């Protein structure tokens, strides 16, 4: 279904009020594609169908799920994870925040990396999701079988002595599960990260989310992330095409890795 500009604005306002996520300040192209995907998956034909669904708790969860953009690979951009293994040797890093998980991929990648470098048990990890369905998928430990070859290839490019099948275990029925115990020190919270206040973390990983926002929301999000870092030297990890716009004076880029910034003040 093709929405007019006024219909798109109305839909964005309605879902923002209901889901407590500011879709009114998402980039128009991104929002239009996600709304079209939502309408297709939930068989909506009119904007009124969406409005009716927002009143249903079950359908509300589905709406939040389909509007979220999932990641697609474990260890996406392997060079980032290789560098992160070096970063995590710093014992001052004790808390990590993944503010906007749309799927398990970034979290599972992080947990495996933490185990490889011997930091899993002494690290506190917090992840935010906007849908209970996303949370349930994460805590199920299920890994998508169709992504196995790409995930394994990315893992091999980490150049570690560890083996992929130490962490992603094939089951008798042919399915794959993340190794039991890796999620033990993880807290998965419901709610949009911009609504979370008074938090302090040593490392924040938010890759390829800011590109979905317009400039106003991008600036506000980066400022909020900066305020959520614990101290000068704490790290913010963004996607390779993203920048800490609006707060450039608060960050210094890592000269050895694209997308990693340390808090100045």
Protein backbone atom coordinates (compact mmCIF):
# COMPACT_ATOMS: atom_id res chain seq x y z
CA UNK A 1 0.00 0.00 0.00
CA UNK A 2 1.38 3.39 -1.03
CA UNK A 3 0.80 6.07 1.60
CA UNK A 4 0.52 9.76 0.84
CA UNK A 5 2.81 12.13 2.73
CA UNK A 6 -0.03 13.17 5.04
CA UNK A 7 -0.98 9.51 5.68
CA UNK A 8 2.64 8.64 6.47
CA UNK A 9 2.84 11.49 8.98
CA UNK A 10 -0.42 10.40 10.60
CA UNK A 11 0.76 6.79 10.85
CA UNK A 12 4.11 7.89 12.30
CA UNK A 13 2.38 10.01 14.92
CA UNK A 14 -0.02 7.23 15.93
CA UNK A 15 2.63 4.54 16.29
CA UNK A 16 4.96 6.96 18.09
CA UNK A 17 2.33 7.70 20.70
CA UNK A 18 1.48 4.03 21.18
CA UNK A 19 4.96 2.47 21.03
CA UNK A 20 6.80 5.34 22.77
CA UNK A 21 9.34 5.48 19.93
CA UNK A 22 9.73 8.74 17.99
CA UNK A 23 9.02 7.49 14.49
CA UNK A 24 8.02 11.03 13.52
CA UNK A 25 11.75 11.84 13.37
CA UNK A 26 12.87 8.78 11.43
CA UNK A 27 14.17 9.38 7.92
CA UNK A 28 11.25 9.42 5.47
CA UNK A 29 12.66 6.76 3.15
CA UNK A 30 13.45 4.35 5.96
CA UNK A 31 10.09 4.88 7.64
CA UNK A 32 8.17 4.41 4.41
CA UNK A 33 9.93 1.08 3.74
CA UNK A 34 9.31 -0.21 7.28
CA UNK A 35 5.65 0.83 7.19
CA UNK A 36 5.22 -0.92 3.83
CA UNK A 37 6.85 -4.04 5.29
CA UNK A 38 4.58 -3.84 8.34
CA UNK A 39 1.45 -3.54 6.20
CA UNK A 40 2.54 -6.52 4.11
CA UNK A 41 3.38 -8.78 7.07
CA UNK A 42 0.18 -7.94 8.98
CA UNK A 43 -2.09 -7.83 5.91
CA UNK A 44 -3.20 -4.24 6.52
CA UNK A 45 -5.01 -2.56 3.63
CA UNK A 46 -5.99 0.75 5.23
CA UNK A 47 -4.46 3.04 7.83
CA UNK A 48 -7.52 2.28 9.96
CA UNK A 49 -6.42 -1.37 10.09
CA UNK A 50 -3.24 -0.21 11.77
CA UNK A 51 -5.10 2.06 14.17
CA UNK A 52 -7.36 -0.81 15.18
CA UNK A 53 -4.38 -3.11 15.71
CA UNK A 54 -2.65 -0.61 17.98
CA UNK A 55 -5.45 -1.17 20.50
CA UNK A 56 -4.63 -4.89 20.73
CA UNK A 57 -1.76 -5.94 23.00
CA UNK A 58 -0.89 -8.96 20.84
CA UNK A 59 -0.93 -7.00 17.60
CA UNK A 60 0.88 -4.12 19.30
CA UNK A 61 3.81 -6.48 19.96
CA UNK A 62 3.79 -7.60 16.32
CA UNK A 63 3.79 -3.99 15.13
CA UNK A 64 6.83 -3.16 17.28
CA UNK A 65 8.57 -6.30 16.02
CA UNK A 66 8.03 -5.62 12.32
CA UNK A 67 9.03 -1.97 12.59
CA UNK A 68 12.37 -2.93 14.15
CA UNK A 69 15.23 -3.47 11.76
CA UNK A 70 17.01 -6.76 12.51
CA UNK A 71 20.70 -7.32 11.97
CA UNK A 72 21.51 -10.09 9.51
CA UNK A 73 24.91 -11.60 10.39
CA UNK A 74 26.99 -12.66 13.33
CA UNK A 75 30.30 -10.72 13.44
CA UNK A 76 29.15 -8.32 10.73
CA UNK A 77 32.19 -6.26 9.67
CA UNK A 78 34.75 -8.66 11.22
CA UNK A 79 37.41 -5.95 11.42
CA UNK A 80 35.31 -4.16 14.02
CA UNK A 81 35.12 -7.26 16.20
CA UNK A 82 38.84 -7.98 15.80
CA UNK A 83 39.62 -4.51 17.10
CA UNK A 84 37.05 -4.83 19.86
CA UNK A 85 38.87 -7.89 21.21
CA UNK A 86 41.90 -5.65 21.77
CA UNK A 87 39.76 -2.93 23.34
CA UNK A 88 38.23 -5.37 25.81
CA UNK A 89 41.64 -6.11 27.29
CA UNK A 90 41.09 -2.86 29.22
CA UNK A 91 39.86 -4.01 32.64
CA UNK A 92 38.30 -0.58 33.19
CA UNK A 93 35.55 -1.65 30.79
CA UNK A 94 33.05 -3.40 33.04
CA UNK A 95 29.66 -2.48 31.61
CA UNK A 96 28.40 -2.64 28.02
CA UNK A 97 25.15 -1.36 26.55
CA UNK A 98 23.52 -2.39 23.28
CA UNK A 99 20.75 0.22 23.10
CA UNK A 100 18.71 -0.97 20.12
CA UNK A 101 18.65 -4.69 19.33
CA UNK A 102 16.39 -5.77 16.50
CA UNK A 103 17.67 -9.37 16.61
CA UNK A 104 20.20 -11.57 18.38
CA UNK A 105 23.15 -10.96 16.07
CA UNK A 106 25.05 -8.10 17.74
CA UNK A 107 24.50 -9.50 21.23
CA UNK A 108 25.56 -13.06 20.42
CA UNK A 109 28.63 -11.75 18.57
CA UNK A 110 29.58 -9.68 21.61
CA UNK A 111 29.09 -12.57 24.05
CA UNK A 112 31.28 -14.89 21.99
CA UNK A 113 33.97 -12.22 21.77
CA UNK A 114 33.82 -11.68 25.53
CA UNK A 115 34.26 -15.40 26.11
CA UNK A 116 37.22 -15.60 23.71
CA UNK A 117 39.06 -12.79 25.54
CA UNK A 118 38.16 -14.13 28.99
CA UNK A 119 35.85 -11.26 29.98
CA UNK A 120 32.39 -12.87 29.88
CA UNK A 121 32.07 -13.57 33.60
CA UNK A 122 33.25 -10.16 34.86
CA UNK A 123 31.29 -8.06 32.35
CA UNK A 124 27.76 -6.73 32.78
CA UNK A 125 25.85 -6.46 29.51
CA UNK A 126 22.54 -4.62 29.07
CA UNK A 127 20.50 -4.73 25.85
CA UNK A 128 17.36 -2.76 24.99
CA UNK A 129 14.59 -4.07 22.74
CA UNK A 130 11.25 -2.52 21.79
CA UNK A 131 9.36 -5.79 21.48
CA UNK A 132 8.84 -8.74 23.80
CA UNK A 133 8.98 -10.92 20.71
CA UNK A 134 12.54 -9.77 20.00
CA UNK A 135 13.45 -10.47 23.63
CA UNK A 136 12.00 -13.98 23.44
CA UNK A 137 13.93 -14.68 20.25
CA UNK A 138 17.14 -13.57 21.94
CA UNK A 139 16.76 -15.61 25.12
CA UNK A 140 15.78 -18.71 23.08
CA UNK A 141 19.46 -18.92 21.98
CA UNK A 142 18.25 -19.91 18.49
CA UNK A 143 20.64 -19.13 15.60
CA UNK A 144 19.21 -19.03 12.09
CA UNK A 145 20.44 -22.05 10.12
CA UNK A 146 20.28 -20.29 6.75
CA UNK A 147 22.90 -17.76 7.90
CA UNK A 148 25.39 -20.40 9.05
CA UNK A 149 27.89 -20.17 6.18
CA UNK A 150 28.12 -16.38 6.32
CA UNK A 151 28.33 -16.40 10.12
CA UNK A 152 31.09 -19.00 10.06
CA UNK A 153 33.01 -17.10 7.39
CA UNK A 154 32.84 -13.91 9.45
CA UNK A 155 34.02 -15.82 12.54
CA UNK A 156 37.02 -17.22 10.68
CA UNK A 157 38.03 -13.68 9.71
CA UNK A 158 38.38 -12.86 13.42
CA UNK A 159 41.63 -14.85 13.26
CA UNK A 160 41.34 -16.41 16.71
CA UNK A 161 42.28 -19.89 17.92
CA UNK A 162 38.68 -20.54 18.96
CA UNK A 163 36.33 -22.69 16.87
CA UNK A 164 32.92 -21.53 15.68
CA UNK A 165 31.28 -24.78 16.76
CA UNK A 166 32.40 -24.13 20.34
CA UNK A 167 29.75 -21.42 20.44
CA UNK A 168 27.08 -22.21 17.85
CA UNK A 169 26.03 -25.80 18.44
CA UNK A 170 24.15 -27.95 15.96
CA UNK A 171 21.26 -29.86 17.52
CA UNK A 172 20.05 -33.39 16.65
CA UNK A 173 17.17 -31.90 14.64
CA UNK A 174 19.59 -29.83 12.54
CA UNK A 175 18.85 -26.50 14.23
CA UNK A 176 21.53 -24.31 15.86
CA UNK A 177 21.73 -22.88 19.37
CA UNK A 178 24.08 -20.48 21.08
CA UNK A 179 26.01 -22.32 23.77
CA UNK A 180 24.21 -22.43 27.08
CA UNK A 181 25.53 -20.06 29.74
CA UNK A 182 26.68 -17.26 27.45
CA UNK A 183 23.59 -15.21 28.29
CA UNK A 184 24.03 -15.52 32.05
CA UNK A 185 25.30 -11.97 32.69
CA UNK A 186 22.94 -10.29 30.23
CA UNK A 187 19.95 -8.13 31.11
CA UNK A 188 17.45 -7.62 28.27
CA UNK A 189 15.25 -4.58 28.88
CA UNK A 190 12.04 -3.62 27.13
CA UNK A 191 11.77 -0.06 25.91
CA UNK A 192 13.26 2.42 23.46
CA UNK A 193 16.73 3.46 24.54
CA UNK A 194 15.95 7.18 24.25
CA UNK A 195 13.51 6.79 27.14
CA UNK A 196 16.17 5.27 29.42
CA UNK A 197 17.67 7.81 31.80
CA UNK A 198 20.41 7.98 34.45
CA UNK A 199 22.48 5.14 33.03
CA UNK A 200 26.25 4.83 32.90
CA UNK A 201 28.22 2.42 30.71
CA UNK A 202 31.86 2.00 29.78
CA UNK A 203 31.13 0.84 26.23
CA UNK A 204 28.09 1.41 24.00
CA UNK A 205 27.56 -0.42 20.70
CA UNK A 206 24.93 1.08 18.39
CA UNK A 207 25.83 0.30 14.79
CA UNK A 208 23.75 1.32 11.77
CA UNK A 209 20.81 2.69 13.73
CA UNK A 210 21.50 6.42 13.43
CA UNK A 211 21.28 6.22 9.63
CA UNK A 212 17.55 5.53 10.12
CA UNK A 213 17.02 8.91 11.82
CA UNK A 214 16.60 12.43 10.55
CA UNK A 215 19.22 14.96 11.63
CA UNK A 216 17.29 16.17 14.68
CA UNK A 217 16.85 12.70 16.14
CA UNK A 218 20.42 11.77 15.19
CA UNK A 219 21.76 14.73 17.19
CA UNK A 220 19.50 13.96 20.18
CA UNK A 221 20.42 10.27 20.15
CA UNK A 222 24.18 10.92 20.09
CA UNK A 223 23.87 13.43 22.93
CA UNK A 224 21.89 10.88 24.94
CA UNK A 225 24.49 8.19 24.29
CA UNK A 226 27.29 10.54 25.32
CA UNK A 227 25.45 11.31 28.55
CA UNK A 228 25.13 7.55 29.14
CA UNK A 229 28.89 6.96 29.02
CA UNK A 230 30.51 6.55 32.41
CA UNK A 231 33.70 8.61 32.14
CA UNK A 232 36.20 10.28 29.81
CA UNK A 233 37.73 7.49 27.73
CA UNK A 234 34.52 5.44 27.67
CA UNK A 235 33.70 4.24 24.16
CA UNK A 236 30.89 4.65 21.64
CA UNK A 237 30.81 2.26 18.66
CA UNK A 238 28.85 3.35 15.58
CA UNK A 239 28.47 1.99 12.06
CA UNK A 240 31.20 2.71 9.53
CA UNK A 241 29.13 5.38 7.73
CA UNK A 242 27.84 7.02 10.92
CA UNK A 243 29.32 9.94 12.86
CA UNK A 244 28.54 11.43 16.29
CA UNK A 245 26.83 14.40 14.65
CA UNK A 246 25.96 17.26 16.95
CA UNK A 247 28.40 16.07 19.63
CA UNK A 248 31.63 15.94 17.66
CA UNK A 249 33.38 18.08 20.28
CA UNK A 250 32.65 15.43 22.93
CA UNK A 251 34.35 12.56 21.10
CA UNK A 252 37.75 11.61 19.74
CA UNK A 253 37.86 9.00 16.94
CA UNK A 254 39.97 5.88 17.33
CA UNK A 255 42.81 6.21 14.83
CA UNK A 256 42.99 2.43 14.38
CA UNK A 257 39.32 1.60 13.88
CA UNK A 258 36.52 3.29 11.94
CA UNK A 259 33.38 3.91 13.96
CA UNK A 260 34.86 3.82 17.49
CA UNK A 261 34.92 7.04 19.49
CA UNK A 262 36.14 7.81 23.00
CA UNK A 263 34.39 10.33 25.22
CA UNK A 264 36.43 13.46 25.86
CA UNK A 265 34.15 15.08 28.44
